[in-house]
Amino acid sequence: MRKRCKLFYMNLVVILLISGCATKMVITPQAMEINVSDFKLKGKIEYDGNKEYLPRTIINENESVNQSFTFQYSYLETYGMDKTPQALPLFNPLSLVGFPIGENTLVINGKLIILKGKEVIKEYSATCGLEKMRSLFSEGETFSELRRKGLLAVRNNIEFQMYQDRGFLSGITSGK
């Protein structure tokens, strides 16, 4: 019985250590990841960032004769670092077994505006919140890794929202 109890507590400590270092991600609105290769909208894209983070449901067509749609894509990043004094973990014996000593956060808000002329046809937005815990033994993912993960999640979420509205969007692009 004592052996089982000891084994249980050892497993509990290992689980707490592993889960304490994991990055948590929350995205709103809730969405699934889907293959959007069969749905694309053409128009002028106003975006000056890395094309990898641009929703794949829109295609830049600057030279089109029938170009009536403009896609404005933007995102905003907000970084948060905890203010835990560096000396504080030295006085906490649990930090020696890997308990978290602090956390860093990153929130990314993405927005896609679809315009026809100067009229806003539709807006899509998504927010991704990421939180990483630090311990004495692991800093976890870097902000660059978190940023990339968050920007891709926002992109995928906006793609899903557009895919959900594909009937409406196909109707406006065909002139119905």
C-alpha atoms as a PDB file:
ATOM      1  CA  MET A   1       0.000   0.000   0.000  1.00  0.00           C
ATOM      2  CA  ARG A   2       2.813   2.379   0.881  1.00  0.00           C
ATOM      3  CA  LYS A   3       4.507   1.639  -2.435  1.00  0.00           C
ATOM      4  CA  ARG A   4       1.334   2.524  -4.359  1.00  0.00           C
ATOM      5  CA  CYS A   5       0.930   5.753  -2.444  1.00  0.00           C
ATOM      6  CA  LYS A   6       4.549   6.723  -3.093  1.00  0.00           C
ATOM      7  CA  LEU A   7       4.176   5.880  -6.789  1.00  0.00           C
ATOM      8  CA  PHE A   8       0.963   7.919  -6.968  1.00  0.00           C
ATOM      9  CA  TYR A   9       2.638  11.009  -5.502  1.00  0.00           C
ATOM     10  CA  MET A  10       5.665  10.653  -7.759  1.00  0.00           C
ATOM     11  CA  ASN A  11       3.368  10.479 -10.812  1.00  0.00           C
ATOM     12  CA  LEU A  12       1.425  13.486  -9.541  1.00  0.00           C
ATOM     13  CA  VAL A  13       4.611  15.539  -9.222  1.00  0.00           C
ATOM     14  CA  VAL A  14       5.718  14.563 -12.741  1.00  0.00           C
ATOM     15  CA  ILE A  15       2.310  15.519 -14.174  1.00  0.00           C
ATOM     16  CA  LEU A  16       2.386  18.867 -12.370  1.00  0.00           C
ATOM     17  CA  LEU A  17       5.898  19.553 -13.646  1.00  0.00           C
ATOM     18  CA  ILE A  18       5.010  18.752 -17.233  1.00  0.00           C
ATOM     19  CA  SER A  19       1.730  20.654 -17.260  1.00  0.00           C
ATOM     20  CA  GLY A  20       3.272  23.655 -15.533  1.00  0.00           C
ATOM     21  CA  CYS A  21       5.634  24.309 -18.434  1.00  0.00           C
ATOM     22  CA  ALA A  22       3.121  23.898 -21.258  1.00  0.00           C
ATOM     23  CA  THR A  23       1.961  26.830 -23.337  1.00  0.00           C
ATOM     24  CA  LYS A  24      -1.763  27.519 -23.164  1.00  0.00           C
ATOM     25  CA  MET A  25      -3.605  28.939 -26.170  1.00  0.00           C
ATOM     26  CA  VAL A  26      -7.153  30.277 -26.325  1.00  0.00           C
ATOM     27  CA  ILE A  27      -8.697  31.626 -29.525  1.00  0.00           C
ATOM     28  CA  THR A  28     -12.007  33.374 -30.052  1.00  0.00           C
ATOM     29  CA  PRO A  29     -14.317  32.828 -31.714  1.00  0.00           C
ATOM     30  CA  GLN A  30     -14.072  29.047 -31.446  1.00  0.00           C
ATOM     31  CA  ALA A  31     -13.356  27.459 -34.834  1.00  0.00           C
ATOM     32  CA  MET A  32     -12.107  24.294 -36.430  1.00  0.00           C
ATOM     33  CA  GLU A  33      -9.143  24.023 -38.749  1.00  0.00           C
ATOM     34  CA  ILE A  34     -10.323  23.165 -42.255  1.00  0.00           C
ATOM     35  CA  ASN A  35      -8.947  22.838 -45.758  1.00  0.00           C
ATOM     36  CA  VAL A  36      -9.963  26.048 -47.522  1.00  0.00           C
ATOM     37  CA  SER A  37      -8.261  25.334 -50.835  1.00  0.00           C
ATOM     38  CA  ASP A  38     -11.585  25.152 -52.693  1.00  0.00           C
ATOM     39  CA  PHE A  39     -12.732  28.636 -51.617  1.00  0.00           C
ATOM     40  CA  LYS A  40     -10.929  31.831 -52.702  1.00  0.00           C
ATOM     41  CA  LEU A  41     -11.909  35.477 -53.198  1.00  0.00           C
ATOM     42  CA  LYS A  42     -10.037  37.767 -55.573  1.00  0.00           C
ATOM     43  CA  GLY A  43      -9.369  41.452 -55.110  1.00  0.00           C
ATOM     44  CA  LYS A  44      -6.794  43.993 -54.038  1.00  0.00           C
ATOM     45  CA  ILE A  45      -5.025  43.149 -50.790  1.00  0.00           C
ATOM     46  CA  GLU A  46      -3.847  45.953 -48.527  1.00  0.00           C
ATOM     47  CA  TYR A  47      -1.353  44.310 -46.206  1.00  0.00           C
ATOM     48  CA  ASP A  48       2.372  44.844 -45.840  1.00  0.00           C
ATOM     49  CA  GLY A  49       3.406  42.008 -43.532  1.00  0.00           C
ATOM     50  CA  ASN A  50       4.585  38.445 -43.983  1.00  0.00           C
ATOM     51  CA  LYS A  51       2.315  36.726 -46.542  1.00  0.00           C
ATOM     52  CA  GLU A  52       2.357  33.517 -44.472  1.00  0.00           C
ATOM     53  CA  TYR A  53       0.045  35.178 -41.937  1.00  0.00           C
ATOM     54  CA  LEU A  54      -2.439  36.413 -44.549  1.00  0.00           C
ATOM     55  CA  PRO A  55      -5.680  34.379 -44.816  1.00  0.00           C
ATOM     56  CA  ARG A  56      -5.328  31.929 -47.703  1.00  0.00           C
ATOM     57  CA  THR A  57      -8.962  32.502 -48.687  1.00  0.00           C
ATOM     58  CA  ILE A  58      -8.047  35.776 -50.416  1.00  0.00           C
ATOM     59  CA  ILE A  59      -5.982  36.227 -53.578  1.00  0.00           C
ATOM     60  CA  ASN A  60      -4.307  39.445 -54.666  1.00  0.00           C
ATOM     61  CA  GLU A  61      -5.448  40.497 -58.130  1.00  0.00           C
ATOM     62  CA  ASN A  62      -4.143  44.024 -58.706  1.00  0.00           C
ATOM     63  CA  GLU A  63      -4.431  43.911 -62.503  1.00  0.00           C
ATOM     64  CA  SER A  64      -8.045  42.706 -62.680  1.00  0.00           C
ATOM     65  CA  VAL A  65     -10.435  44.654 -64.891  1.00  0.00           C
ATOM     66  CA  ASN A  66     -13.350  43.713 -62.658  1.00  0.00           C
ATOM     67  CA  GLN A  67     -11.536  44.525 -59.414  1.00  0.00           C
ATOM     68  CA  SER A  68     -14.200  45.767 -57.091  1.00  0.00           C
ATOM     69  CA  PHE A  69     -13.106  44.220 -53.807  1.00  0.00           C
ATOM     70  CA  THR A  70     -10.410  45.383 -51.428  1.00  0.00           C
ATOM     71  CA  PHE A  71      -9.171  43.275 -48.529  1.00  0.00           C
ATOM     72  CA  GLN A  72      -7.610  45.155 -45.605  1.00  0.00           C
ATOM     73  CA  TYR A  73      -5.824  42.796 -43.247  1.00  0.00           C
ATOM     74  CA  SER A  74      -4.120  43.842 -40.033  1.00  0.00           C
ATOM     75  CA  TYR A  75      -3.146  42.445 -36.659  1.00  0.00           C
ATOM     76  CA  LEU A  76      -2.082  43.831 -33.315  1.00  0.00           C
ATOM     77  CA  GLU A  77       0.225  42.117 -30.835  1.00  0.00           C
ATOM     78  CA  THR A  78       0.251  42.798 -27.106  1.00  0.00           C
ATOM     79  CA  TYR A  79       3.018  41.346 -24.962  1.00  0.00           C
ATOM     80  CA  GLY A  80       2.878  40.895 -21.204  1.00  0.00           C
ATOM     81  CA  MET A  81       5.684  39.895 -18.886  1.00  0.00           C
ATOM     82  CA  ASP A  82       5.129  39.204 -15.228  1.00  0.00           C
ATOM     83  CA  LYS A  83       6.895  41.323 -12.682  1.00  0.00           C
ATOM     84  CA  THR A  84       7.958  38.496 -10.352  1.00  0.00           C
ATOM     85  CA  PRO A  85      11.215  39.510  -8.683  1.00  0.00           C
ATOM     86  CA  GLN A  86      14.054  37.216  -9.767  1.00  0.00           C
ATOM     87  CA  ALA A  87      15.055  36.507  -6.149  1.00  0.00           C
ATOM     88  CA  LEU A  88      11.582  35.365  -5.050  1.00  0.00           C
ATOM     89  CA  PRO A  89      11.851  31.779  -6.441  1.00  0.00           C
ATOM     90  CA  LEU A  90      14.962  31.263  -4.309  1.00  0.00           C
ATOM     91  CA  PHE A  91      12.757  31.381  -1.194  1.00  0.00           C
ATOM     92  CA  ASN A  92      10.123  28.992  -2.558  1.00  0.00           C
ATOM     93  CA  PRO A  93      11.222  25.354  -2.126  1.00  0.00           C
ATOM     94  CA  LEU A  94       8.689  24.191  -4.740  1.00  0.00           C
ATOM     95  CA  SER A  95      10.537  26.087  -7.450  1.00  0.00           C
ATOM     96  CA  LEU A  96      13.430  23.641  -6.987  1.00  0.00           C
ATOM     97  CA  VAL A  97      11.212  20.788  -8.221  1.00  0.00           C
ATOM     98  CA  GLY A  98      10.036  22.703 -11.298  1.00  0.00           C
ATOM     99  CA  PHE A  99       6.986  24.646 -10.169  1.00  0.00           C
ATOM    100  CA  PRO A 100       6.375  27.782 -12.257  1.00  0.00           C
ATOM    101  CA  ILE A 101       8.183  30.950 -11.254  1.00  0.00           C
ATOM    102  CA  GLY A 102       6.318  33.251 -13.601  1.00  0.00           C
ATOM    103  CA  GLU A 103       4.454  33.596 -16.861  1.00  0.00           C
ATOM    104  CA  ASN A 104       4.613  35.595 -20.056  1.00  0.00           C
ATOM    105  CA  THR A 105       1.572  36.346 -22.187  1.00  0.00           C
ATOM    106  CA  LEU A 106       0.910  37.331 -25.763  1.00  0.00           C
ATOM    107  CA  VAL A 107      -2.414  38.420 -27.261  1.00  0.00           C
ATOM    108  CA  ILE A 108      -2.876  38.748 -31.020  1.00  0.00           C
ATOM    109  CA  ASN A 109      -5.919  40.420 -32.567  1.00  0.00           C
ATOM    110  CA  GLY A 110      -6.397  39.967 -36.309  1.00  0.00           C
ATOM    111  CA  LYS A 111      -8.929  41.719 -38.529  1.00  0.00           C
ATOM    112  CA  LEU A 112      -9.957  41.349 -42.163  1.00  0.00           C
ATOM    113  CA  ILE A 113     -12.196  43.991 -43.726  1.00  0.00           C
ATOM    114  CA  ILE A 114     -13.789  43.334 -47.115  1.00  0.00           C
ATOM    115  CA  LEU A 115     -14.695  46.474 -49.049  1.00  0.00           C
ATOM    116  CA  LYS A 116     -16.596  46.956 -52.280  1.00  0.00           C
ATOM    117  CA  GLY A 117     -15.603  50.409 -53.406  1.00  0.00           C
ATOM    118  CA  LYS A 118     -15.707  52.347 -50.128  1.00  0.00           C
ATOM    119  CA  GLU A 119     -18.522  50.293 -48.584  1.00  0.00           C
ATOM    120  CA  VAL A 120     -17.667  47.713 -45.917  1.00  0.00           C
ATOM    121  CA  ILE A 121     -19.195  44.408 -46.992  1.00  0.00           C
ATOM    122  CA  LYS A 122     -17.997  42.215 -44.145  1.00  0.00           C
ATOM    123  CA  GLU A 123     -15.522  42.214 -41.250  1.00  0.00           C
ATOM    124  CA  TYR A 124     -13.853  39.214 -39.689  1.00  0.00           C
ATOM    125  CA  SER A 125     -11.806  39.239 -36.517  1.00  0.00           C
ATOM    126  CA  ALA A 126     -10.117  36.709 -34.274  1.00  0.00           C
ATOM    127  CA  THR A 127      -8.198  36.936 -31.026  1.00  0.00           C
ATOM    128  CA  CYS A 128      -5.589  34.491 -29.798  1.00  0.00           C
ATOM    129  CA  GLY A 129      -4.245  34.551 -26.259  1.00  0.00           C
ATOM    130  CA  LEU A 130      -1.090  32.632 -25.410  1.00  0.00           C
ATOM    131  CA  GLU A 131       0.373  32.077 -21.972  1.00  0.00           C
ATOM    132  CA  LYS A 132       3.655  30.370 -21.208  1.00  0.00           C
ATOM    133  CA  MET A 133       4.904  29.401 -17.790  1.00  0.00           C
ATOM    134  CA  ARG A 134       8.543  29.649 -16.790  1.00  0.00           C
ATOM    135  CA  SER A 135      10.402  27.493 -14.293  1.00  0.00           C
ATOM    136  CA  LEU A 136      13.968  27.431 -13.063  1.00  0.00           C
ATOM    137  CA  PHE A 137      14.697  24.639 -15.536  1.00  0.00           C
ATOM    138  CA  SER A 138      12.833  25.874 -18.620  1.00  0.00           C
ATOM    139  CA  GLU A 139      12.001  29.217 -20.166  1.00  0.00           C
ATOM    140  CA  GLY A 140       9.503  27.498 -22.475  1.00  0.00           C
ATOM    141  CA  GLU A 141       8.851  28.745 -25.988  1.00  0.00           C
ATOM    142  CA  THR A 142      10.326  32.060 -27.079  1.00  0.00           C
ATOM    143  CA  PHE A 143       8.107  35.035 -27.878  1.00  0.00           C
ATOM    144  CA  SER A 144       8.988  34.538 -31.562  1.00  0.00           C
ATOM    145  CA  GLU A 145       7.663  30.975 -31.473  1.00  0.00           C
ATOM    146  CA  LEU A 146       4.533  32.073 -29.608  1.00  0.00           C
ATOM    147  CA  ARG A 147       3.987  34.946 -32.040  1.00  0.00           C
ATOM    148  CA  ARG A 148       4.176  32.658 -35.074  1.00  0.00           C
ATOM    149  CA  LYS A 149       1.842  30.113 -33.474  1.00  0.00           C
ATOM    150  CA  GLY A 150      -0.650  32.863 -32.582  1.00  0.00           C
ATOM    151  CA  LEU A 151      -0.583  34.555 -35.993  1.00  0.00           C
ATOM    152  CA  LEU A 152      -1.203  31.239 -37.751  1.00  0.00           C
ATOM    153  CA  ALA A 153      -4.080  30.452 -35.372  1.00  0.00           C
ATOM    154  CA  VAL A 154      -5.668  33.863 -36.072  1.00  0.00           C
ATOM    155  CA  ARG A 155      -5.229  33.349 -39.824  1.00  0.00           C
ATOM    156  CA  ASN A 156      -6.825  29.889 -39.665  1.00  0.00           C
ATOM    157  CA  ASN A 157      -9.705  31.198 -37.572  1.00  0.00           C
ATOM    158  CA  ILE A 158     -10.511  33.988 -40.040  1.00  0.00           C
ATOM    159  CA  GLU A 159     -10.316  31.482 -42.900  1.00  0.00           C
ATOM    160  CA  PHE A 160     -12.826  29.269 -41.097  1.00  0.00           C
ATOM    161  CA  GLN A 161     -15.191  32.195 -40.544  1.00  0.00           C
ATOM    162  CA  MET A 162     -14.987  33.092 -44.236  1.00  0.00           C
ATOM    163  CA  TYR A 163     -15.583  29.477 -45.199  1.00  0.00           C
ATOM    164  CA  GLN A 164     -18.710  29.473 -43.017  1.00  0.00           C
ATOM    165  CA  ASP A 165     -19.924  32.562 -44.962  1.00  0.00           C
ATOM    166  CA  ARG A 166     -18.936  31.173 -48.385  1.00  0.00           C
ATOM    167  CA  GLY A 167     -22.559  31.261 -49.638  1.00  0.00           C
ATOM    168  CA  PHE A 168     -22.879  34.961 -48.841  1.00  0.00           C
ATOM    169  CA  LEU A 169     -19.405  35.810 -50.126  1.00  0.00           C
ATOM    170  CA  SER A 170     -19.880  33.857 -53.366  1.00  0.00           C
ATOM    171  CA  GLY A 171     -23.138  35.736 -53.885  1.00  0.00           C
ATOM    172  CA  ILE A 172     -21.548  39.166 -53.588  1.00  0.00           C
ATOM    173  CA  THR A 173     -18.601  38.270 -55.805  1.00  0.00           C
ATOM    174  CA  SER A 174     -20.862  36.955 -58.560  1.00  0.00           C
ATOM    175  CA  GLY A 175     -22.933  40.157 -58.437  1.00  0.00           C
ATOM    176  CA  LYS A 176     -26.171  38.532 -57.146  1.00  0.00           C
END
